[in-house]
Amino acid sequence: MNDFKPRYSNDLAGRASLCRDVIRSAGAVVLSGFRQSRQRGFSMKGPQDFLTETDAASEAHIRQAIAEHFPGDAFWGEEGGGSIAERVWVVDPVDGTANFARGIPHFCISITYVEEDRAEIGAIYNPAQDELYFCRRGAGATLNDKPIKVSPTAAFDAASVEMGWSRRVPDETFLETMRQMLDKGANVRRGASGAMALAYVADGRSDAYVELHMNAWDCLAGLLLVAEAGGVVCPFMEIGNLRDGGPVLASTPAIARGVSEASGIPIEGREHGAKLQLA
């Protein structure tokens, strides 16, 4: 049950306040589930696609809060789907469920508010670490209310690049992309939460993130975070779409072109990075 009593203004500021509140209250739901995850176990939606009771509980919590305060807004969630409209909330209730189910505290909730074909608000919260990433388009990005910037890394031989893996892409393509990154001198790693990986690019813990196919609920908030933190991102909604997803690239500027060459994913200039237009 949600305990949302405050009234939120019917504008971006009000939605930003709700986003902050609901991602933290959903975080309490997720953290409680994480502490019991070993006892509750998990099921499988498909090969290497984990599902827990907490995924559904978190999404229901977020969906109910948004419906209560902004009933005219659409909702598009990983577990329950929904609809896509001019104003839509795009939600992954637990990203990194495989980590969550195995007791590894590297997972998060990801929420993006999209209005008139632009990602306007993005939030990523890891309740196990109490780390809340937040951004509004044109206003910069923060981690626990402190401004963040992408790393200053300027060369591949000093770069740490994370790559996400997807069943929607042939393993040979994934391995060839990794080989290209290694040939350029990068350290390549995988943390099994794409949204957290993008947040780590935004705050400089990683230098780039690449995934050859990603769903919109996994990446929209993270792409906006990276763009607002001064990074370079792919034009996600030009090379993919909100319903079906697409390839993802986010990078610190100095190595972005090389990451694009290695992955085959195009980039857009920094001056357009925060637009994330849904074309």
Protein backbone atom coordinates (compact mmCIF):
# COMPACT_ATOMS: atom_id res chain seq x y z
CA MET A 1 0.00 0.00 0.00
CA ASN A 2 1.27 3.51 -0.84
CA ASP A 3 1.32 6.29 1.75
CA PHE A 4 1.54 9.28 -0.60
CA LYS A 5 -0.29 12.19 1.06
CA PRO A 6 1.40 15.29 -0.37
CA ARG A 7 -0.12 17.08 -3.34
CA TYR A 8 2.12 17.54 -6.37
CA SER A 9 1.77 20.43 -8.81
CA ASN A 10 0.65 19.42 -12.29
CA ASP A 11 3.92 20.40 -13.98
CA LEU A 12 7.48 19.13 -14.35
CA ALA A 13 8.44 20.34 -10.88
CA GLY A 14 5.60 18.39 -9.33
CA ARG A 15 6.47 15.27 -11.29
CA ALA A 16 10.11 15.61 -10.31
CA SER A 17 9.08 15.73 -6.64
CA LEU A 18 6.89 12.67 -7.03
CA CYS A 19 9.67 10.85 -8.86
CA ARG A 20 12.07 11.45 -5.98
CA ASP A 21 9.51 10.38 -3.40
CA VAL A 22 8.23 7.28 -5.15
CA ILE A 23 11.65 5.92 -6.13
CA ARG A 24 12.74 6.10 -2.49
CA SER A 25 9.55 4.49 -1.18
CA ALA A 26 9.80 1.79 -3.84
CA GLY A 27 13.41 1.39 -2.73
CA ALA A 28 12.15 0.43 0.74
CA VAL A 29 9.98 -2.26 -0.85
CA VAL A 30 12.90 -3.54 -2.91
CA LEU A 31 15.35 -3.49 -0.01
CA SER A 32 12.95 -5.50 2.15
CA GLY A 33 12.63 -8.03 -0.65
CA PHE A 34 16.39 -8.17 -1.10
CA ARG A 35 16.88 -9.05 2.56
CA GLN A 36 14.51 -11.98 2.09
CA SER A 37 15.54 -12.93 -1.44
CA ARG A 38 17.47 -16.06 -0.51
CA GLN A 39 14.42 -17.47 1.28
CA ARG A 40 11.87 -16.48 -1.38
CA GLY A 41 13.83 -17.62 -4.42
CA PHE A 42 13.08 -16.62 -8.00
CA SER A 43 11.52 -17.81 -11.25
CA MET A 44 12.62 -17.45 -14.86
CA LYS A 45 10.88 -15.46 -17.61
CA GLY A 46 13.32 -16.92 -20.16
CA PRO A 47 17.00 -17.89 -20.52
CA GLN A 48 19.03 -15.77 -18.09
CA ASP A 49 15.92 -13.62 -17.45
CA PHE A 50 15.18 -13.65 -13.72
CA LEU A 51 11.92 -12.68 -11.99
CA THR A 52 11.19 -12.23 -8.28
CA GLU A 53 8.09 -11.27 -6.32
CA THR A 54 9.79 -7.96 -5.58
CA ASP A 55 9.83 -6.91 -9.25
CA ALA A 56 6.04 -7.02 -9.35
CA ALA A 57 5.61 -5.42 -5.91
CA SER A 58 7.91 -2.52 -6.78
CA GLU A 59 6.19 -1.87 -10.11
CA ALA A 60 2.73 -1.99 -8.54
CA HIS A 61 3.85 0.49 -5.86
CA ILE A 62 5.19 2.96 -8.43
CA ARG A 63 2.24 2.51 -10.81
CA GLN A 64 -0.29 3.17 -8.03
CA ALA A 65 1.46 6.34 -6.85
CA ILE A 66 1.63 7.79 -10.35
CA ALA A 67 -2.01 6.89 -11.07
CA GLU A 68 -3.09 8.53 -7.83
CA HIS A 69 -1.36 11.84 -8.43
CA PHE A 70 -1.20 12.07 -12.23
CA PRO A 71 -4.06 9.90 -13.52
CA GLY A 72 -3.76 11.34 -17.03
CA ASP A 73 -0.18 10.13 -17.45
CA ALA A 74 0.54 6.83 -19.17
CA PHE A 75 2.72 4.11 -17.63
CA TRP A 76 5.10 1.73 -19.43
CA GLY A 77 6.69 -0.85 -17.13
CA GLU A 78 8.85 -3.91 -17.56
CA GLU A 79 6.59 -6.31 -15.71
CA GLY A 80 3.06 -5.13 -16.45
CA GLY A 81 3.49 -3.20 -19.68
CA GLY A 82 0.95 -0.43 -20.07
CA SER A 83 0.57 2.20 -22.76
CA ILE A 84 2.67 4.84 -24.50
CA ALA A 85 1.33 8.38 -24.81
CA GLU A 86 2.43 12.02 -24.95
CA ARG A 87 3.11 11.92 -21.20
CA VAL A 88 4.46 8.57 -20.04
CA TRP A 89 6.44 7.16 -17.13
CA VAL A 90 8.91 4.44 -18.19
CA VAL A 91 9.81 2.14 -15.30
CA ASP A 92 12.09 -0.77 -14.49
CA PRO A 93 11.08 -1.81 -10.96
CA VAL A 94 14.28 -3.84 -10.40
CA ASP A 95 17.14 -3.71 -12.87
CA GLY A 96 19.81 -6.29 -12.17
CA THR A 97 17.37 -8.93 -10.96
CA ALA A 98 19.95 -11.71 -11.39
CA ASN A 99 22.21 -9.90 -8.90
CA PHE A 100 19.24 -9.20 -6.62
CA ALA A 101 18.15 -12.86 -6.62
CA ARG A 102 21.67 -14.05 -5.76
CA GLY A 103 22.20 -11.62 -2.90
CA ILE A 104 24.55 -9.25 -4.76
CA PRO A 105 23.80 -5.59 -3.85
CA HIS A 106 24.24 -4.25 -7.38
CA PHE A 107 20.73 -3.52 -8.65
CA CYS A 108 18.44 -0.52 -8.88
CA ILE A 109 15.08 1.01 -9.72
CA SER A 110 14.96 3.14 -12.87
CA ILE A 111 12.24 5.74 -13.59
CA THR A 112 12.00 8.15 -16.52
CA TYR A 113 9.29 10.69 -17.21
CA VAL A 114 8.84 11.42 -20.93
CA GLU A 115 6.79 14.33 -22.20
CA GLU A 116 6.24 15.48 -25.76
CA ASP A 117 8.80 13.03 -27.08
CA ARG A 118 11.58 14.02 -24.66
CA ALA A 119 12.96 12.42 -21.53
CA GLU A 120 12.46 15.19 -18.98
CA ILE A 121 13.18 13.51 -15.64
CA GLY A 122 15.39 10.53 -14.84
CA ALA A 123 16.08 8.73 -11.58
CA ILE A 124 18.07 5.62 -10.69
CA TYR A 125 18.17 4.36 -7.11
CA ASN A 126 20.20 1.55 -5.57
CA PRO A 127 18.57 1.06 -2.16
CA ALA A 128 21.22 -1.40 -0.99
CA GLN A 129 23.83 1.39 -1.25
CA ASP A 130 21.39 4.27 -0.66
CA GLU A 131 22.58 5.96 -3.86
CA LEU A 132 20.03 8.10 -5.68
CA TYR A 133 20.93 9.48 -9.10
CA PHE A 134 18.61 12.20 -10.36
CA CYS A 135 18.38 14.59 -13.28
CA ARG A 136 16.10 16.95 -15.11
CA ARG A 137 16.71 17.87 -18.72
CA GLY A 138 18.90 20.96 -18.87
CA ALA A 139 19.57 21.07 -15.12
CA GLY A 140 22.54 18.72 -14.66
CA ALA A 141 22.79 15.41 -12.83
CA THR A 142 23.27 14.58 -9.15
CA LEU A 143 24.12 11.67 -6.87
CA ASN A 144 22.51 12.09 -3.45
CA ASP A 145 21.96 15.77 -4.31
CA LYS A 146 25.60 16.44 -5.19
CA PRO A 147 26.50 17.37 -8.80
CA ILE A 148 28.24 14.68 -10.84
CA LYS A 149 30.30 14.70 -14.03
CA VAL A 150 31.60 12.04 -16.37
CA SER A 151 35.25 11.03 -16.05
CA PRO A 152 38.12 12.98 -17.67
CA THR A 153 39.61 9.79 -19.14
CA ALA A 154 41.18 10.65 -22.50
CA ALA A 155 42.78 7.40 -23.72
CA PHE A 156 41.61 3.83 -24.19
CA ASP A 157 44.60 2.38 -22.37
CA ALA A 158 43.27 4.05 -19.20
CA ALA A 159 39.59 3.37 -19.87
CA SER A 160 37.16 1.00 -18.15
CA VAL A 161 34.27 0.15 -20.45
CA GLU A 162 31.27 -1.88 -19.34
CA MET A 163 29.36 -4.01 -21.82
CA GLY A 164 25.88 -5.39 -21.39
CA TRP A 165 24.87 -8.73 -22.87
CA SER A 166 21.53 -9.47 -24.52
CA ARG A 167 19.93 -12.64 -25.84
CA ARG A 168 18.51 -10.53 -28.66
CA VAL A 169 21.97 -10.19 -30.21
CA PRO A 170 24.10 -13.14 -31.45
CA ASP A 171 26.92 -14.04 -29.08
CA GLU A 172 29.37 -13.72 -31.96
CA THR A 173 28.41 -10.05 -32.39
CA PHE A 174 28.81 -9.40 -28.67
CA LEU A 175 32.22 -11.10 -28.62
CA GLU A 176 33.41 -9.25 -31.71
CA THR A 177 32.42 -5.92 -30.13
CA MET A 178 34.30 -6.87 -26.98
CA ARG A 179 37.34 -7.82 -29.05
CA GLN A 180 37.25 -4.43 -30.74
CA MET A 181 37.20 -2.73 -27.34
CA LEU A 182 40.08 -4.84 -26.07
CA ASP A 183 42.08 -4.16 -29.22
CA LYS A 184 41.76 -0.44 -28.51
CA GLY A 185 43.27 -1.04 -25.06
CA ALA A 186 40.19 -0.76 -22.86
CA ASN A 187 39.44 -2.84 -19.78
CA VAL A 188 36.04 -4.46 -20.43
CA ARG A 189 33.78 -5.58 -17.61
CA ARG A 190 30.16 -6.54 -16.98
CA GLY A 191 28.13 -5.82 -13.83
CA ALA A 192 24.73 -7.25 -14.89
CA SER A 193 22.72 -4.06 -14.37
CA GLY A 194 22.58 -1.80 -17.40
CA ALA A 195 20.89 1.06 -15.56
CA MET A 196 23.57 1.04 -12.85
CA ALA A 197 26.26 0.84 -15.53
CA LEU A 198 24.91 4.03 -17.13
CA ALA A 199 24.78 5.74 -13.73
CA TYR A 200 28.43 4.80 -13.22
CA VAL A 201 29.33 6.47 -16.52
CA ALA A 202 27.48 9.58 -15.33
CA ASP A 203 29.46 9.80 -12.09
CA GLY A 204 32.82 8.81 -13.62
CA ARG A 205 33.23 5.35 -12.08
CA SER A 206 33.15 3.92 -15.61
CA ASP A 207 34.20 5.61 -18.83
CA ALA A 208 31.66 4.11 -21.24
CA TYR A 209 28.78 1.67 -21.49
CA VAL A 210 27.68 -0.31 -24.54
CA GLU A 211 24.79 -2.72 -24.98
CA LEU A 212 23.80 -3.89 -28.43
CA HIS A 213 20.13 -4.13 -27.47
CA MET A 214 18.46 -2.65 -24.41
CA ASN A 215 14.86 -1.99 -23.44
CA ALA A 216 13.77 1.61 -22.92
CA TRP A 217 12.93 1.08 -19.24
CA ASP A 218 16.50 -0.06 -18.64
CA CYS A 219 18.27 2.86 -20.31
CA LEU A 220 16.28 6.08 -20.69
CA ALA A 221 17.03 7.46 -17.22
CA GLY A 222 20.70 6.49 -17.51
CA LEU A 223 21.11 8.07 -20.94
CA LEU A 224 19.64 11.34 -19.68
CA LEU A 225 21.92 11.18 -16.62
CA VAL A 226 25.03 10.74 -18.77
CA ALA A 227 24.01 13.54 -21.12
CA GLU A 228 23.33 15.87 -18.19
CA ALA A 229 26.67 14.90 -16.60
CA GLY A 230 28.53 16.04 -19.73
CA GLY A 231 28.80 12.75 -21.57
CA VAL A 232 28.03 11.64 -25.10
CA VAL A 233 25.08 9.32 -25.78
CA CYS A 234 23.56 7.57 -28.78
CA PRO A 235 20.33 8.88 -30.36
CA PHE A 236 18.38 6.03 -28.79
CA MET A 237 14.97 6.89 -30.16
CA GLU A 238 16.29 7.34 -33.69
CA ILE A 239 18.04 3.96 -33.81
CA GLY A 240 15.49 2.17 -31.61
CA ASN A 241 12.13 3.01 -30.07
CA LEU A 242 10.30 3.17 -26.79
CA ARG A 243 8.30 -0.01 -27.35
CA ASP A 244 10.98 -2.32 -28.81
CA GLY A 245 14.24 -0.88 -27.45
CA GLY A 246 17.49 -0.57 -29.35
CA PRO A 247 21.28 -0.28 -29.06
CA VAL A 248 22.82 1.88 -26.31
CA LEU A 249 26.08 3.78 -26.06
CA ALA A 250 27.10 6.30 -23.40
CA SER A 251 30.63 7.59 -22.97
CA THR A 252 32.94 10.24 -21.63
CA PRO A 253 33.61 12.56 -24.59
CA ALA A 254 37.26 11.84 -25.36
CA ILE A 255 36.78 8.15 -26.16
CA ALA A 256 33.20 8.29 -27.47
CA ARG A 257 34.11 8.13 -31.14
CA GLY A 258 36.32 5.10 -30.61
CA VAL A 259 33.59 3.36 -28.62
CA SER A 260 31.19 4.11 -31.47
CA GLU A 261 33.61 2.66 -34.01
CA ALA A 262 34.11 -0.51 -31.97
CA SER A 263 30.40 -1.08 -31.38
CA GLY A 264 28.89 0.22 -34.60
CA ILE A 265 26.49 2.39 -32.55
CA PRO A 266 26.24 6.03 -33.66
CA ILE A 267 26.65 8.96 -31.28
CA GLU A 268 25.20 12.42 -31.16
CA GLY A 269 27.00 15.63 -30.21
CA ARG A 270 27.01 16.90 -26.64
CA GLU A 271 24.84 19.85 -27.57
CA HIS A 272 22.05 17.41 -28.45
CA GLY A 273 22.77 14.79 -25.80
CA ALA A 274 20.08 15.82 -23.34
CA LYS A 275 17.25 15.87 -25.90
CA LEU A 276 16.71 12.12 -26.21
CA GLN A 277 13.95 12.78 -28.69
CA LEU A 278 11.55 9.90 -29.24
CA ALA A 279 11.39 10.13 -33.02
